[in-house]
């Protein structure tokens, strides 16, 4: 009886030790999540690459992680538009989104809110997820804790501003293109047969290519016969 009692106590002690070890692993995992800054970076155009270069975004994120006393993990989306209507169009951001749901991401950095998204639906979706899972968002301009109503308001406000400027810039771009084409402007690419590009008064326009134009005329003549 004594031997079986002693064995039973040993089994319980071993089970308790295993439970403590498992708890320590979980606590270490939680600490790692708390101490990890996830750096998300993205560009969408060549102009943005000069202003928001991927390397500059990473360096700012690393500097931020040092100030916070955290390790960092880099998430580079590369060149992709931030105004798309679907989160699935952004493969890296979609993976980050999934890790938020698993509780693996608690601290997220981006250079500014426009790097996350310029689409109101996607911005709202991200905000709801970060608010639900207690993710803190850091930018070079502000720290956003979604437990604060004021911070939520600030996030929504600047997201709306980003979307507004996307629409304004799109209209300006379209007007510029229409005006350019009205005056014979050429935006690049392969020339139609019989034409070439020539710069006149600082504007590239299509002009007749004398060497090719005679063959264009021949084609029409042969078609009529």
Protein backbone atom coordinates (compact mmCIF):
# COMPACT_ATOMS: atom_id res chain seq x y z
CA UNK A 1 0.00 0.00 0.00
CA UNK A 2 2.84 2.38 0.95
CA UNK A 3 4.62 1.79 -2.35
CA UNK A 4 1.50 2.52 -4.36
CA UNK A 5 0.86 5.67 -2.30
CA UNK A 6 4.45 6.84 -2.92
CA UNK A 7 4.09 6.13 -6.65
CA UNK A 8 0.85 8.08 -6.75
CA UNK A 9 2.51 11.11 -5.13
CA UNK A 10 5.40 10.93 -7.62
CA UNK A 11 2.97 10.82 -10.55
CA UNK A 12 1.18 13.88 -9.20
CA UNK A 13 4.47 15.75 -8.72
CA UNK A 14 5.55 14.92 -12.29
CA UNK A 15 2.18 16.00 -13.64
CA UNK A 16 2.43 19.28 -11.70
CA UNK A 17 5.94 19.86 -13.06
CA UNK A 18 4.74 19.29 -16.62
CA UNK A 19 1.87 21.70 -16.06
CA UNK A 20 4.28 24.35 -14.69
CA UNK A 21 6.65 23.84 -17.66
CA UNK A 22 3.76 24.22 -20.09
CA UNK A 23 2.64 27.38 -18.30
CA UNK A 24 6.17 28.79 -18.51
CA UNK A 25 6.23 28.09 -22.26
CA UNK A 26 2.92 29.88 -22.71
CA UNK A 27 4.10 32.85 -20.61
CA UNK A 28 7.34 33.04 -22.63
CA UNK A 29 5.29 32.96 -25.84
CA UNK A 30 3.07 35.78 -24.53
CA UNK A 31 6.16 37.81 -23.55
CA UNK A 32 7.59 37.33 -27.06
CA UNK A 33 4.35 38.60 -28.59
CA UNK A 34 4.39 41.62 -26.27
CA UNK A 35 8.04 42.39 -27.12
CA UNK A 36 7.74 42.02 -30.92
CA UNK A 37 7.11 45.05 -33.14
CA UNK A 38 5.73 44.05 -36.55
CA UNK A 39 6.90 46.52 -39.22
CA UNK A 40 4.61 46.74 -42.24
CA UNK A 41 5.89 48.61 -45.30
CA UNK A 42 4.52 49.28 -48.78
CA UNK A 43 4.93 51.54 -51.81
CA UNK A 44 2.60 51.86 -54.78
CA UNK A 45 4.30 54.15 -57.35
CA UNK A 46 7.76 55.25 -58.44
CA UNK A 47 7.07 58.72 -57.01
CA UNK A 48 6.27 57.16 -53.67
CA UNK A 49 9.43 55.06 -53.81
CA UNK A 50 11.44 58.28 -53.63
CA UNK A 51 9.41 59.72 -50.74
CA UNK A 52 8.45 56.51 -48.91
CA UNK A 53 11.22 54.13 -49.98
CA UNK A 54 10.88 50.63 -48.57
CA UNK A 55 14.33 50.93 -47.00
CA UNK A 56 13.42 54.22 -45.29
CA UNK A 57 10.25 52.67 -43.89
CA UNK A 58 12.24 49.74 -42.49
CA UNK A 59 14.86 52.00 -40.90
CA UNK A 60 12.15 54.10 -39.24
CA UNK A 61 10.52 50.94 -37.92
CA UNK A 62 13.80 49.59 -36.53
CA UNK A 63 14.47 52.94 -34.84
CA UNK A 64 10.98 52.78 -33.32
CA UNK A 65 11.50 49.22 -32.06
CA UNK A 66 14.71 50.28 -30.31
CA UNK A 67 12.93 53.18 -28.62
CA UNK A 68 10.25 50.76 -27.41
CA UNK A 69 12.84 48.18 -26.33
CA UNK A 70 11.31 45.55 -28.63
CA UNK A 71 12.55 43.07 -31.18
CA UNK A 72 11.13 43.54 -34.68
CA UNK A 73 9.80 41.50 -37.56
CA UNK A 74 9.76 42.90 -41.09
CA UNK A 75 6.69 42.60 -43.34
CA UNK A 76 7.36 44.06 -46.80
CA UNK A 77 4.47 44.21 -49.28
CA UNK A 78 6.70 45.71 -51.97
CA UNK A 79 4.93 47.75 -54.63
CA UNK A 80 1.14 47.48 -54.49
CA UNK A 81 -1.68 50.03 -54.45
CA UNK A 82 -3.22 50.90 -51.10
CA UNK A 83 -6.54 52.00 -52.58
CA UNK A 84 -7.72 48.51 -53.64
CA UNK A 85 -11.14 47.44 -52.44
CA UNK A 86 -10.10 43.97 -51.25
CA UNK A 87 -7.75 42.98 -48.44
CA UNK A 88 -6.94 39.78 -50.39
CA UNK A 89 -5.11 41.92 -52.96
CA UNK A 90 -2.46 42.53 -50.28
CA UNK A 91 -0.90 39.14 -49.55
CA UNK A 92 1.42 40.27 -46.74
CA UNK A 93 -1.22 42.39 -45.01
CA UNK A 94 -3.67 39.47 -45.23
CA UNK A 95 -1.17 37.26 -43.40
CA UNK A 96 -0.72 39.92 -40.70
CA UNK A 97 -4.51 40.15 -40.41
CA UNK A 98 -4.71 36.38 -39.84
CA UNK A 99 -2.01 36.53 -37.15
CA UNK A 100 -3.96 39.28 -35.37
CA UNK A 101 -6.89 36.86 -35.14
CA UNK A 102 -4.57 34.26 -33.59
CA UNK A 103 -3.28 36.78 -31.05
CA UNK A 104 0.23 36.61 -32.54
CA UNK A 105 0.44 40.35 -33.30
CA UNK A 106 0.13 42.89 -30.50
CA UNK A 107 2.29 45.78 -31.79
CA UNK A 108 2.17 47.03 -35.38
CA UNK A 109 4.23 49.81 -36.98
CA UNK A 110 3.78 51.59 -40.31
CA UNK A 111 5.31 54.86 -41.47
CA UNK A 112 1.86 56.48 -41.63
CA UNK A 113 -1.74 55.32 -41.97
CA UNK A 114 -1.66 55.60 -45.77
CA UNK A 115 0.84 52.70 -45.83
CA UNK A 116 -1.82 50.42 -44.30
CA UNK A 117 -4.65 51.41 -46.60
CA UNK A 118 -6.29 54.28 -48.47
CA UNK A 119 -9.52 52.41 -48.95
CA UNK A 120 -12.23 53.19 -46.33
CA UNK A 121 -13.62 49.63 -46.24
CA UNK A 122 -10.18 48.05 -45.72
CA UNK A 123 -9.22 50.70 -43.15
CA UNK A 124 -12.41 50.03 -41.19
CA UNK A 125 -11.86 46.26 -41.35
CA UNK A 126 -8.33 46.62 -39.99
CA UNK A 127 -9.45 48.99 -37.26
CA UNK A 128 -12.16 46.59 -36.07
CA UNK A 129 -9.66 43.73 -35.96
CA UNK A 130 -7.00 45.72 -34.10
CA UNK A 131 -9.59 46.98 -31.64
CA UNK A 132 -11.01 43.48 -31.06
CA UNK A 133 -7.62 41.82 -30.45
CA UNK A 134 -5.90 44.63 -28.56
CA UNK A 135 -3.32 45.53 -31.21
CA UNK A 136 -1.47 48.81 -30.69
CA UNK A 137 -0.64 50.74 -33.85
CA UNK A 138 2.45 52.95 -34.10
CA UNK A 139 3.33 55.51 -36.76
CA UNK A 140 6.04 58.18 -36.88
CA UNK A 141 3.33 60.72 -36.02
CA UNK A 142 1.30 58.97 -33.31
CA UNK A 143 0.66 55.89 -31.19
CA UNK A 144 -2.85 54.51 -31.43
CA UNK A 145 -4.35 52.44 -28.63
CA UNK A 146 -7.79 51.32 -29.76
CA UNK A 147 -9.01 51.10 -26.18
CA UNK A 148 -9.17 54.89 -26.31
CA UNK A 149 -12.24 56.42 -28.00
CA UNK A 150 -10.14 59.48 -28.89
CA UNK A 151 -7.54 57.30 -30.63
CA UNK A 152 -10.25 55.45 -32.58
CA UNK A 153 -11.66 58.80 -33.70
CA UNK A 154 -8.18 59.97 -34.77
CA UNK A 155 -7.62 56.77 -36.79
CA UNK A 156 -10.99 57.11 -38.55
CA UNK A 157 -10.39 60.80 -39.24
CA UNK A 158 -6.95 60.36 -40.85
CA UNK A 159 -8.14 57.29 -42.79
CA UNK A 160 -10.94 59.43 -44.26
CA UNK A 161 -8.43 62.17 -45.15
CA UNK A 162 -6.23 59.63 -46.96
CA UNK A 163 -9.22 58.37 -48.95
CA UNK A 164 -10.21 61.95 -49.82
CA UNK A 165 -6.78 62.76 -51.25
CA UNK A 166 -6.79 59.53 -53.27
CA UNK A 167 -10.01 60.65 -54.98
CA UNK A 168 -8.74 64.22 -55.52
CA UNK A 169 -5.44 63.03 -57.01
CA UNK A 170 -7.24 60.54 -59.25
CA UNK A 171 -9.46 63.32 -60.68
CA UNK A 172 -6.43 65.57 -61.24
CA UNK A 173 -4.58 62.74 -62.97
CA UNK A 174 -7.51 62.00 -65.29
CA UNK A 175 -7.93 65.68 -66.20
CA UNK A 176 -4.21 65.93 -66.96
CA UNK A 177 -4.30 62.85 -69.20
CA UNK A 178 -7.38 64.04 -71.11
CA UNK A 179 -5.81 67.46 -71.67
CA UNK A 180 -2.55 65.85 -72.77
CA UNK A 181 -4.28 63.63 -75.35
CA UNK A 182 -6.45 66.49 -76.68
CA UNK A 183 -3.32 68.25 -77.87
CA UNK A 184 -1.83 65.14 -79.45
CA UNK A 185 0.23 64.14 -76.44
CA UNK A 186 1.73 60.67 -76.12
CA UNK A 187 2.01 58.87 -72.75
CA UNK A 188 4.49 56.20 -73.87
CA UNK A 189 4.42 52.65 -75.15
CA UNK A 190 4.60 51.33 -78.72
CA UNK A 191 3.79 53.84 -81.44
CA UNK A 192 0.98 53.19 -83.94
CA UNK A 193 2.46 52.22 -87.30
CA UNK A 194 3.16 55.33 -89.33
CA UNK A 195 3.82 57.58 -86.30
CA UNK A 196 6.66 58.47 -83.98
CA UNK A 197 7.08 60.65 -80.90
CA UNK A 198 8.60 64.09 -80.99
CA UNK A 199 9.03 66.70 -78.25
CA UNK A 200 7.49 70.05 -79.18
CA UNK A 201 7.29 72.90 -76.63
CA UNK A 202 8.12 70.50 -73.83
CA UNK A 203 5.35 68.07 -74.77
CA UNK A 204 5.81 64.67 -76.41
CA UNK A 205 3.33 64.35 -79.27
CA UNK A 206 2.70 61.92 -82.12
CA UNK A 207 3.95 63.02 -85.55
CA UNK A 208 3.98 61.25 -88.91
CA UNK A 209 6.87 58.86 -89.50
CA UNK A 210 7.68 59.45 -93.16
CA UNK A 211 9.46 56.13 -93.61
CA UNK A 212 6.53 54.09 -92.27
CA UNK A 213 3.65 56.26 -93.47
CA UNK A 214 4.15 55.30 -97.12
CA UNK A 215 3.59 51.65 -96.21
CA UNK A 216 0.43 52.52 -94.27
CA UNK A 217 -0.89 54.22 -97.42
CA UNK A 218 0.10 51.18 -99.49
CA UNK A 219 -1.86 48.88 -97.16
CA UNK A 220 -5.04 50.92 -97.74
CA UNK A 221 -4.42 50.98 -101.48
CA UNK A 222 -4.01 47.18 -101.58
CA UNK A 223 -7.14 46.74 -99.49
CA UNK A 224 -9.20 48.74 -102.02
CA UNK A 225 -8.04 46.60 -104.97
